[in-house]
Amino acid sequence: MIVAVVITYFPDRETLQRQFDALRAQCDGIVIVDNGSAEDQLEWLRRLVRESGGKARLSEQGDNLGIAAAQNRGVA
């Protein structure tokens, strides 16, 4: 099984949408770990995950705990 871990922090929606679409075609699953983005961006990420047909999960850290902590959370 191949699962992609994507770390976000105030992501550019257009770029992330393209990445997400490419990963959906290549991976069995996608874990998005958000590292403290604003509420409007979180709502967009939640919708992206809902529309993935169960292929993606979102982990909201709440605060920016750093890239290493976010990667560890995504891998776990």
N, C-alpha and C. Protein backbone atom coordinates (compact mmCIF):
# COMPACT_ATOMS: atom_id res chain seq x y z
N MET A 1 0.85 -1.17 0.00
CA MET A 1 0.00 0.00 0.00
C MET A 1 0.89 1.24 0.00
N ILE A 2 0.56 2.19 -0.82
CA ILE A 2 1.29 3.46 -0.91
C ILE A 2 0.39 4.57 -0.40
N VAL A 3 0.89 5.28 0.61
CA VAL A 3 0.15 6.40 1.20
C VAL A 3 1.05 7.63 1.17
N ALA A 4 0.54 8.72 0.65
CA ALA A 4 1.27 9.98 0.61
C ALA A 4 0.94 10.79 1.86
N VAL A 5 1.97 11.43 2.41
CA VAL A 5 1.78 12.34 3.53
C VAL A 5 2.08 13.74 3.02
N VAL A 6 1.10 14.63 3.14
CA VAL A 6 1.22 16.00 2.66
C VAL A 6 1.09 16.93 3.87
N ILE A 7 2.07 17.79 4.05
CA ILE A 7 2.05 18.75 5.15
C ILE A 7 1.62 20.10 4.58
N THR A 8 0.63 20.74 5.22
CA THR A 8 0.17 22.04 4.74
C THR A 8 0.30 23.09 5.84
N TYR A 9 0.53 24.31 5.38
CA TYR A 9 0.56 25.48 6.25
C TYR A 9 0.22 26.66 5.36
N PHE A 10 -1.01 27.14 5.46
CA PHE A 10 -1.51 28.19 4.58
C PHE A 10 -1.25 27.83 3.12
N PRO A 11 -1.78 26.68 2.66
CA PRO A 11 -1.47 26.20 1.31
C PRO A 11 -2.10 27.05 0.21
N ASP A 12 -1.41 27.08 -0.92
CA ASP A 12 -1.97 27.67 -2.13
C ASP A 12 -2.96 26.66 -2.69
N ARG A 13 -4.22 27.02 -2.78
CA ARG A 13 -5.27 26.07 -3.14
C ARG A 13 -5.08 25.48 -4.53
N GLU A 14 -4.73 26.29 -5.48
CA GLU A 14 -4.58 25.79 -6.86
C GLU A 14 -3.45 24.75 -6.93
N THR A 15 -2.34 25.07 -6.31
CA THR A 15 -1.20 24.15 -6.32
C THR A 15 -1.53 22.87 -5.58
N LEU A 16 -2.14 22.98 -4.41
CA LEU A 16 -2.49 21.80 -3.63
C LEU A 16 -3.53 20.95 -4.35
N GLN A 17 -4.48 21.58 -5.02
CA GLN A 17 -5.49 20.81 -5.76
C GLN A 17 -4.83 19.97 -6.86
N ARG A 18 -3.88 20.57 -7.58
CA ARG A 18 -3.17 19.81 -8.62
C ARG A 18 -2.38 18.65 -8.01
N GLN A 19 -1.71 18.92 -6.90
CA GLN A 19 -0.95 17.86 -6.22
C GLN A 19 -1.88 16.76 -5.74
N PHE A 20 -2.98 17.14 -5.13
CA PHE A 20 -3.94 16.19 -4.61
C PHE A 20 -4.49 15.30 -5.72
N ASP A 21 -4.85 15.91 -6.85
CA ASP A 21 -5.38 15.14 -7.97
C ASP A 21 -4.35 14.14 -8.50
N ALA A 22 -3.10 14.57 -8.58
CA ALA A 22 -2.04 13.68 -9.05
C ALA A 22 -1.82 12.53 -8.07
N LEU A 23 -1.82 12.84 -6.78
CA LEU A 23 -1.60 11.81 -5.78
C LEU A 23 -2.76 10.82 -5.72
N ARG A 24 -3.97 11.29 -5.89
CA ARG A 24 -5.13 10.37 -5.88
C ARG A 24 -4.99 9.32 -6.95
N ALA A 25 -4.43 9.69 -8.10
CA ALA A 25 -4.26 8.74 -9.19
C ALA A 25 -3.11 7.76 -8.95
N GLN A 26 -2.17 8.12 -8.07
CA GLN A 26 -0.96 7.33 -7.89
C GLN A 26 -0.89 6.57 -6.57
N CYS A 27 -1.69 6.95 -5.59
CA CYS A 27 -1.55 6.39 -4.23
C CYS A 27 -2.84 5.72 -3.78
N ASP A 28 -2.68 4.85 -2.80
CA ASP A 28 -3.84 4.19 -2.21
C ASP A 28 -4.53 5.08 -1.18
N GLY A 29 -3.79 6.02 -0.63
CA GLY A 29 -4.35 6.92 0.36
C GLY A 29 -3.52 8.18 0.48
N ILE A 30 -4.11 9.21 1.07
CA ILE A 30 -3.44 10.49 1.28
C ILE A 30 -3.75 10.95 2.70
N VAL A 31 -2.71 11.31 3.43
CA VAL A 31 -2.87 11.90 4.75
C VAL A 31 -2.39 13.33 4.65
N ILE A 32 -3.29 14.27 4.93
CA ILE A 32 -2.94 15.68 4.96
C ILE A 32 -2.82 16.10 6.42
N VAL A 33 -1.66 16.63 6.78
CA VAL A 33 -1.45 17.12 8.14
C VAL A 33 -1.34 18.63 8.02
N ASP A 34 -2.33 19.32 8.58
CA ASP A 34 -2.28 20.78 8.53
C ASP A 34 -1.60 21.32 9.77
N ASN A 35 -0.68 22.23 9.55
CA ASN A 35 0.20 22.73 10.60
C ASN A 35 -0.20 24.14 11.04
N GLY A 36 -1.50 24.37 11.21
CA GLY A 36 -1.95 25.64 11.78
C GLY A 36 -2.48 26.66 10.81
N SER A 37 -3.11 26.24 9.73
CA SER A 37 -3.68 27.17 8.75
C SER A 37 -4.92 27.86 9.31
N ALA A 38 -5.35 28.91 8.63
CA ALA A 38 -6.54 29.66 9.02
C ALA A 38 -7.81 28.83 8.79
N GLU A 39 -8.88 29.20 9.46
CA GLU A 39 -10.14 28.45 9.41
C GLU A 39 -10.69 28.31 7.99
N ASP A 40 -10.61 29.35 7.16
CA ASP A 40 -11.15 29.23 5.80
C ASP A 40 -10.36 28.21 4.99
N GLN A 41 -9.06 28.13 5.22
CA GLN A 41 -8.26 27.12 4.52
C GLN A 41 -8.55 25.73 5.06
N LEU A 42 -8.76 25.61 6.37
CA LEU A 42 -9.12 24.33 6.94
C LEU A 42 -10.45 23.83 6.39
N GLU A 43 -11.40 24.73 6.25
CA GLU A 43 -12.70 24.32 5.69
C GLU A 43 -12.54 23.80 4.27
N TRP A 44 -11.69 24.44 3.48
CA TRP A 44 -11.42 23.98 2.12
C TRP A 44 -10.76 22.60 2.15
N LEU A 45 -9.79 22.41 3.06
CA LEU A 45 -9.14 21.10 3.19
C LEU A 45 -10.13 20.03 3.62
N ARG A 46 -11.02 20.36 4.54
CA ARG A 46 -12.05 19.40 4.97
C ARG A 46 -12.93 18.98 3.81
N ARG A 47 -13.31 19.95 2.99
CA ARG A 47 -14.14 19.63 1.82
C ARG A 47 -13.37 18.76 0.83
N LEU A 48 -12.10 19.07 0.61
CA LEU A 48 -11.26 18.29 -0.29
C LEU A 48 -11.21 16.83 0.17
N VAL A 49 -11.07 16.62 1.46
CA VAL A 49 -11.02 15.27 2.02
C VAL A 49 -12.39 14.59 1.90
N ARG A 50 -13.46 15.31 2.20
CA ARG A 50 -14.82 14.74 2.08
C ARG A 50 -15.08 14.27 0.65
N GLU A 51 -14.61 15.02 -0.31
CA GLU A 51 -14.87 14.71 -1.72
C GLU A 51 -13.91 13.66 -2.28
N SER A 52 -13.01 13.15 -1.46
CA SER A 52 -12.02 12.19 -1.94
C SER A 52 -12.56 10.76 -2.01
N GLY A 53 -13.77 10.57 -1.56
CA GLY A 53 -14.34 9.22 -1.58
C GLY A 53 -13.67 8.28 -0.59
N GLY A 54 -13.21 8.81 0.52
CA GLY A 54 -12.59 7.99 1.54
C GLY A 54 -11.10 7.73 1.34
N LYS A 55 -10.55 8.32 0.31
CA LYS A 55 -9.13 8.10 0.00
C LYS A 55 -8.20 8.99 0.81
N ALA A 56 -8.70 10.04 1.42
CA ALA A 56 -7.86 10.99 2.13
C ALA A 56 -8.35 11.19 3.55
N ARG A 57 -7.40 11.57 4.40
CA ARG A 57 -7.69 11.93 5.80
C ARG A 57 -7.01 13.25 6.10
N LEU A 58 -7.59 14.00 7.00
CA LEU A 58 -7.02 15.28 7.43
C LEU A 58 -6.74 15.23 8.92
N SER A 59 -5.52 15.59 9.28
CA SER A 59 -5.15 15.72 10.68
C SER A 59 -4.84 17.20 10.93
N GLU A 60 -5.63 17.81 11.79
CA GLU A 60 -5.46 19.24 12.08
C GLU A 60 -4.65 19.40 13.36
N GLN A 61 -3.45 19.95 13.23
CA GLN A 61 -2.57 20.13 14.39
C GLN A 61 -3.03 21.30 15.27
N GLY A 62 -3.65 22.30 14.68
CA GLY A 62 -4.09 23.47 15.44
C GLY A 62 -3.05 24.56 15.49
N ASP A 63 -1.82 24.19 15.76
CA ASP A 63 -0.71 25.14 15.79
C ASP A 63 0.40 24.62 14.89
N ASN A 64 1.31 25.50 14.53
CA ASN A 64 2.46 25.09 13.74
C ASN A 64 3.49 24.49 14.69
N LEU A 65 3.54 23.16 14.70
CA LEU A 65 4.46 22.46 15.58
C LEU A 65 5.77 22.12 14.89
N GLY A 66 5.90 22.54 13.63
CA GLY A 66 7.12 22.28 12.88
C GLY A 66 6.93 21.13 11.90
N ILE A 67 7.78 21.12 10.88
CA ILE A 67 7.65 20.13 9.82
C ILE A 67 7.91 18.71 10.34
N ALA A 68 8.89 18.52 11.21
CA ALA A 68 9.20 17.19 11.70
C ALA A 68 8.03 16.60 12.50
N ALA A 69 7.43 17.39 13.35
CA ALA A 69 6.29 16.91 14.14
C ALA A 69 5.12 16.57 13.22
N ALA A 70 4.91 17.40 12.20
CA ALA A 70 3.82 17.13 11.26
C ALA A 70 4.10 15.86 10.46
N GLN A 71 5.33 15.66 10.03
CA GLN A 71 5.67 14.44 9.29
C GLN A 71 5.49 13.21 10.19
N ASN A 72 5.94 13.29 11.42
CA ASN A 72 5.78 12.17 12.33
C ASN A 72 4.31 11.85 12.55
N ARG A 73 3.49 12.87 12.67
CA ARG A 73 2.06 12.64 12.86
C ARG A 73 1.44 11.98 11.63
N GLY A 74 1.84 12.44 10.44
CA GLY A 74 1.32 11.86 9.21
C GLY A 74 1.73 10.41 9.03
N VAL A 75 2.96 10.09 9.37
CA VAL A 75 3.43 8.71 9.25
C VAL A 75 2.73 7.81 10.26
N ALA A 76 2.49 8.33 11.46
CA ALA A 76 1.81 7.54 12.50
C ALA A 76 0.38 7.27 12.09
